Amino acid sequence: MSIFSRFLPKKKPVEIKNNIPKEKENIRKTFAVYCHKHHNTSGNQLCPQCQALLATVFTKINRCPYGITKPICDRCDRPCFGAHQTQQFMQIMESSKKGMLLRHPKMAVKHKLASMGVDYAKYQQQKKIDDRVKAKEKASKERAKARKEKK
């Protein structure tokens, strides 16, 4: 530690943002766009089926095993819902893309960028795993080759 260290800026601890309220709002808006288009509702009203699924989604988000560090639901590798509910949720999210881009363009672009970030992180993670596997295979081949040469 130098005598000048007291003059250097202090490192800030990493802040973990709670993205759950923002994601809930995004999902609520997506459900509204879908329900208005497919079930002819208006305003903040949703049909009973969409309202029930939305309540289930919010309950599951609150119980997410990742906590406040949770990824975007449609990019998550551990879906919280049953198969039927996951299918319904994904159908709503998929069919609302164009409507969300028209009605909430900033939110739609931010969501797309965030999902691309998750995809890139998963790609990098898989690339590291593949590199490790290749390195192990290469090392084992070299050891086998060295054994053959020894004999």
C-alpha atoms as a PDB file:
ATOM      1  CA  MET A   1       0.000   0.000   0.000  1.00  0.00           C
ATOM      2  CA  SER A   2       1.460   3.313  -1.020  1.00  0.00           C
ATOM      3  CA  ILE A   3       1.167   6.642   0.683  1.00  0.00           C
ATOM      4  CA  PHE A   4      -0.899   7.912  -2.237  1.00  0.00           C
ATOM      5  CA  SER A   5      -3.598   5.264  -1.918  1.00  0.00           C
ATOM      6  CA  ARG A   6      -5.721   7.498   0.261  1.00  0.00           C
ATOM      7  CA  PHE A   7      -6.005   9.917  -2.668  1.00  0.00           C
ATOM      8  CA  LEU A   8      -7.152   7.290  -5.143  1.00  0.00           C
ATOM      9  CA  PRO A   9     -10.886   6.828  -5.686  1.00  0.00           C
ATOM     10  CA  LYS A  10     -12.425   4.086  -3.593  1.00  0.00           C
ATOM     11  CA  LYS A  11     -13.802   1.030  -5.368  1.00  0.00           C
ATOM     12  CA  LYS A  12     -17.543   0.875  -5.169  1.00  0.00           C
ATOM     13  CA  PRO A  13     -19.103  -2.478  -4.283  1.00  0.00           C
ATOM     14  CA  VAL A  14     -21.012  -4.168  -7.076  1.00  0.00           C
ATOM     15  CA  GLU A  15     -24.689  -3.289  -6.914  1.00  0.00           C
ATOM     16  CA  ILE A  16     -27.227  -5.949  -7.706  1.00  0.00           C
ATOM     17  CA  LYS A  17     -30.343  -4.438  -9.209  1.00  0.00           C
ATOM     18  CA  ASN A  18     -33.768  -5.789  -8.428  1.00  0.00           C
ATOM     19  CA  ASN A  19     -35.272  -6.231 -11.903  1.00  0.00           C
ATOM     20  CA  ILE A  20     -38.403  -8.040 -10.716  1.00  0.00           C
ATOM     21  CA  PRO A  21     -40.722  -4.979 -10.537  1.00  0.00           C
ATOM     22  CA  LYS A  22     -39.630  -3.882 -14.026  1.00  0.00           C
ATOM     23  CA  GLU A  23     -40.132  -7.377 -15.414  1.00  0.00           C
ATOM     24  CA  LYS A  24     -43.573  -7.637 -13.815  1.00  0.00           C
ATOM     25  CA  GLU A  25     -44.566  -4.366 -15.452  1.00  0.00           C
ATOM     26  CA  ASN A  26     -43.265  -5.603 -18.814  1.00  0.00           C
ATOM     27  CA  ILE A  27     -45.245  -8.833 -18.471  1.00  0.00           C
ATOM     28  CA  ARG A  28     -48.395  -6.958 -17.406  1.00  0.00           C
ATOM     29  CA  LYS A  29     -48.155  -4.713 -20.490  1.00  0.00           C
ATOM     30  CA  THR A  30     -47.503  -7.707 -22.751  1.00  0.00           C
ATOM     31  CA  PHE A  31     -50.538  -9.534 -21.382  1.00  0.00           C
ATOM     32  CA  ALA A  32     -52.651  -6.392 -21.915  1.00  0.00           C
ATOM     33  CA  VAL A  33     -51.557  -6.122 -25.562  1.00  0.00           C
ATOM     34  CA  TYR A  34     -52.297  -9.816 -26.136  1.00  0.00           C
ATOM     35  CA  CYS A  35     -55.653  -9.812 -24.349  1.00  0.00           C
ATOM     36  CA  HIS A  36     -56.847  -6.624 -26.082  1.00  0.00           C
ATOM     37  CA  LYS A  37     -56.025  -8.116 -29.464  1.00  0.00           C
ATOM     38  CA  HIS A  38     -57.272 -11.685 -28.960  1.00  0.00           C
ATOM     39  CA  HIS A  39     -60.045 -11.349 -26.361  1.00  0.00           C
ATOM     40  CA  ASN A  40     -61.361  -7.851 -27.242  1.00  0.00           C
ATOM     41  CA  THR A  41     -60.818  -6.297 -23.817  1.00  0.00           C
ATOM     42  CA  SER A  42     -59.982  -2.642 -23.251  1.00  0.00           C
ATOM     43  CA  GLY A  43     -58.215  -0.395 -20.758  1.00  0.00           C
ATOM     44  CA  ASN A  44     -56.536  -2.174 -17.861  1.00  0.00           C
ATOM     45  CA  GLN A  45     -59.045  -5.023 -17.973  1.00  0.00           C
ATOM     46  CA  LEU A  46     -57.978  -8.561 -18.845  1.00  0.00           C
ATOM     47  CA  CYS A  47     -60.191 -11.543 -19.525  1.00  0.00           C
ATOM     48  CA  PRO A  48     -60.502 -14.049 -16.636  1.00  0.00           C
ATOM     49  CA  GLN A  49     -58.211 -16.574 -18.362  1.00  0.00           C
ATOM     50  CA  CYS A  50     -55.408 -14.042 -18.918  1.00  0.00           C
ATOM     51  CA  GLN A  51     -55.908 -12.606 -15.423  1.00  0.00           C
ATOM     52  CA  ALA A  52     -55.533 -16.081 -13.880  1.00  0.00           C
ATOM     53  CA  LEU A  53     -52.380 -16.838 -15.882  1.00  0.00           C
ATOM     54  CA  LEU A  54     -50.942 -13.419 -15.014  1.00  0.00           C
ATOM     55  CA  ALA A  55     -51.570 -14.046 -11.301  1.00  0.00           C
ATOM     56  CA  THR A  56     -49.820 -17.421 -11.611  1.00  0.00           C
ATOM     57  CA  VAL A  57     -46.875 -15.835 -13.422  1.00  0.00           C
ATOM     58  CA  PHE A  58     -46.484 -13.161 -10.743  1.00  0.00           C
ATOM     59  CA  THR A  59     -46.671 -15.753  -7.960  1.00  0.00           C
ATOM     60  CA  LYS A  60     -44.007 -17.849  -9.656  1.00  0.00           C
ATOM     61  CA  ILE A  61     -41.798 -14.801 -10.227  1.00  0.00           C
ATOM     62  CA  ASN A  62     -42.008 -13.986  -6.511  1.00  0.00           C
ATOM     63  CA  ARG A  63     -40.884 -17.548  -5.732  1.00  0.00           C
ATOM     64  CA  CYS A  64     -38.121 -17.634  -8.361  1.00  0.00           C
ATOM     65  CA  PRO A  65     -35.083 -19.595  -7.102  1.00  0.00           C
ATOM     66  CA  TYR A  66     -32.763 -16.944  -8.587  1.00  0.00           C
ATOM     67  CA  GLY A  67     -34.246 -14.197  -6.406  1.00  0.00           C
ATOM     68  CA  ILE A  68     -33.542 -10.643  -7.541  1.00  0.00           C
ATOM     69  CA  THR A  69     -30.820 -11.831  -9.910  1.00  0.00           C
ATOM     70  CA  LYS A  70     -33.346 -13.738 -12.017  1.00  0.00           C
ATOM     71  CA  PRO A  71     -32.935 -13.787 -15.792  1.00  0.00           C
ATOM     72  CA  ILE A  72     -35.693 -12.894 -18.219  1.00  0.00           C
ATOM     73  CA  CYS A  73     -38.385 -15.580 -17.949  1.00  0.00           C
ATOM     74  CA  ASP A  74     -38.377 -16.584 -21.608  1.00  0.00           C
ATOM     75  CA  ARG A  75     -34.568 -17.088 -21.464  1.00  0.00           C
ATOM     76  CA  CYS A  76     -34.518 -18.950 -18.156  1.00  0.00           C
ATOM     77  CA  ASP A  77     -33.132 -22.482 -18.111  1.00  0.00           C
ATOM     78  CA  ARG A  78     -35.298 -23.449 -15.110  1.00  0.00           C
ATOM     79  CA  PRO A  79     -38.941 -22.662 -15.977  1.00  0.00           C
ATOM     80  CA  CYS A  80     -41.032 -22.146 -12.856  1.00  0.00           C
ATOM     81  CA  PHE A  81     -44.362 -23.093 -14.427  1.00  0.00           C
ATOM     82  CA  GLY A  82     -45.831 -26.385 -15.513  1.00  0.00           C
ATOM     83  CA  ALA A  83     -45.545 -27.393 -19.156  1.00  0.00           C
ATOM     84  CA  HIS A  84     -49.050 -26.152 -20.103  1.00  0.00           C
ATOM     85  CA  GLN A  85     -48.638 -22.777 -18.363  1.00  0.00           C
ATOM     86  CA  THR A  86     -45.164 -22.310 -19.830  1.00  0.00           C
ATOM     87  CA  GLN A  87     -46.588 -22.983 -23.295  1.00  0.00           C
ATOM     88  CA  GLN A  88     -49.392 -20.450 -22.742  1.00  0.00           C
ATOM     89  CA  PHE A  89     -46.968 -17.865 -21.364  1.00  0.00           C
ATOM     90  CA  MET A  90     -44.565 -18.297 -24.271  1.00  0.00           C
ATOM     91  CA  GLN A  91     -47.450 -18.095 -26.758  1.00  0.00           C
ATOM     92  CA  ILE A  92     -48.586 -14.792 -25.247  1.00  0.00           C
ATOM     93  CA  MET A  93     -45.065 -13.389 -25.221  1.00  0.00           C
ATOM     94  CA  GLU A  94     -44.411 -14.532 -28.804  1.00  0.00           C
ATOM     95  CA  SER A  95     -47.661 -13.243 -30.303  1.00  0.00           C
ATOM     96  CA  SER A  96     -47.360  -9.839 -28.588  1.00  0.00           C
ATOM     97  CA  LYS A  97     -43.975  -8.903 -30.052  1.00  0.00           C
ATOM     98  CA  LYS A  98     -45.255  -6.680 -32.860  1.00  0.00           C
ATOM     99  CA  GLY A  99     -47.876  -5.027 -30.681  1.00  0.00           C
ATOM    100  CA  MET A 100     -45.321  -4.307 -27.983  1.00  0.00           C
ATOM    101  CA  LEU A 101     -42.976  -2.739 -30.516  1.00  0.00           C
ATOM    102  CA  LEU A 102     -45.775  -0.421 -31.657  1.00  0.00           C
ATOM    103  CA  ARG A 103     -47.271   0.426 -28.238  1.00  0.00           C
ATOM    104  CA  HIS A 104     -44.182   0.340 -25.996  1.00  0.00           C
ATOM    105  CA  PRO A 105     -41.141   0.691 -28.276  1.00  0.00           C
ATOM    106  CA  LYS A 106     -38.580   1.623 -25.593  1.00  0.00           C
ATOM    107  CA  MET A 107     -39.582  -1.262 -23.381  1.00  0.00           C
ATOM    108  CA  ALA A 108     -39.564  -3.728 -26.274  1.00  0.00           C
ATOM    109  CA  VAL A 109     -36.082  -2.684 -27.409  1.00  0.00           C
ATOM    110  CA  LYS A 110     -34.685  -2.810 -23.864  1.00  0.00           C
ATOM    111  CA  HIS A 111     -36.185  -6.270 -23.384  1.00  0.00           C
ATOM    112  CA  LYS A 112     -34.707  -7.477 -26.667  1.00  0.00           C
ATOM    113  CA  LEU A 113     -31.271  -6.123 -25.752  1.00  0.00           C
ATOM    114  CA  ALA A 114     -31.457  -7.792 -22.343  1.00  0.00           C
ATOM    115  CA  SER A 115     -32.410 -11.127 -23.908  1.00  0.00           C
ATOM    116  CA  MET A 116     -29.562 -10.790 -26.392  1.00  0.00           C
ATOM    117  CA  GLY A 117     -27.219 -10.205 -23.442  1.00  0.00           C
ATOM    118  CA  VAL A 118     -28.459 -13.403 -21.802  1.00  0.00           C
ATOM    119  CA  ASP A 119     -28.002 -15.300 -25.065  1.00  0.00           C
ATOM    120  CA  TYR A 120     -24.466 -13.960 -25.411  1.00  0.00           C
ATOM    121  CA  ALA A 121     -23.605 -14.902 -21.816  1.00  0.00           C
ATOM    122  CA  LYS A 122     -24.929 -18.427 -22.386  1.00  0.00           C
ATOM    123  CA  TYR A 123     -22.921 -18.634 -25.612  1.00  0.00           C
ATOM    124  CA  GLN A 124     -19.752 -17.571 -23.807  1.00  0.00           C
ATOM    125  CA  GLN A 125     -20.421 -20.052 -21.011  1.00  0.00           C
ATOM    126  CA  GLN A 126     -20.924 -22.895 -23.487  1.00  0.00           C
ATOM    127  CA  LYS A 127     -17.805 -21.845 -25.389  1.00  0.00           C
ATOM    128  CA  LYS A 128     -15.721 -22.102 -22.189  1.00  0.00           C
ATOM    129  CA  ILE A 129     -17.125 -25.555 -21.471  1.00  0.00           C
ATOM    130  CA  ASP A 130     -16.407 -26.692 -25.046  1.00  0.00           C
ATOM    131  CA  ASP A 131     -12.858 -25.309 -24.837  1.00  0.00           C
ATOM    132  CA  ARG A 132     -12.245 -27.226 -21.605  1.00  0.00           C
ATOM    133  CA  VAL A 133     -13.555 -30.448 -23.125  1.00  0.00           C
ATOM    134  CA  LYS A 134     -11.360 -29.990 -26.209  1.00  0.00           C
ATOM    135  CA  ALA A 135      -8.320 -29.265 -24.041  1.00  0.00           C
ATOM    136  CA  LYS A 136      -8.933 -32.432 -22.002  1.00  0.00           C
ATOM    137  CA  GLU A 137      -9.336 -34.507 -25.161  1.00  0.00           C
ATOM    138  CA  LYS A 138      -6.165 -33.044 -26.631  1.00  0.00           C
ATOM    139  CA  ALA A 139      -4.235 -33.719 -23.414  1.00  0.00           C
ATOM    140  CA  SER A 140      -5.468 -37.312 -23.257  1.00  0.00           C
ATOM    141  CA  LYS A 141      -4.485 -37.882 -26.905  1.00  0.00           C
ATOM    142  CA  GLU A 142      -1.021 -36.483 -26.219  1.00  0.00           C
ATOM    143  CA  ARG A 143      -0.622 -38.747 -23.168  1.00  0.00           C
ATOM    144  CA  ALA A 144      -1.695 -41.758 -25.209  1.00  0.00           C
ATOM    145  CA  LYS A 145       0.737 -40.796 -27.959  1.00  0.00           C
ATOM    146  CA  ALA A 146       3.536 -40.389 -25.393  1.00  0.00           C
ATOM    147  CA  ARG A 147       2.761 -43.854 -23.956  1.00  0.00           C
ATOM    148  CA  LYS A 148       2.938 -45.416 -27.422  1.00  0.00           C
ATOM    149  CA  GLU A 149       6.284 -43.761 -28.085  1.00  0.00           C
ATOM    150  CA  LYS A 150       7.607 -45.004 -24.721  1.00  0.00           C
ATOM    151  CA  LYS A 151       6.830 -48.604 -25.567  1.00  0.00           C
END
